Amino acid sequence: MPDELDEVRARYPLGTEVRGRFVRWILPDRPGTAGMVVDLGDHRFGYLDVLTLPIDPNAWPAAGTEATFEVTQHSRGQVRLWPLDAALRAPDRRRPANRADR
């Protein structure tokens, strides 16, 4: 029987380009959890790691900003994203390799 992760993999395959809207910040409660929630529609959400964003916080997107992303990873309850607009990422960051599901 398919589970939620199977459904997410089918809807958002690795490498897929998706449109989304920045919704809110996630503040760190453990390493690797600071970032932004991205509304992908259909009651699905993606995650953009804060380390992906520009170094200057004044250049970070405001809630409500729409953008195009590439799906780079799936994990339980999460679709990790890479912003395709270079203005939305740090200049020294390279797109992570698509990683196997966790």
Foldseek 3Di string as FASTA:
>chain_A
DDDPLNVCCVVAPAFDKAKWFWADWDDDPDPFRTFTWTHRPPPAIATETPQFFAPDPVLADDGGDMFMWGFQEDEVRHTYTHTPPPSGGHPPDDDDHRDYYD
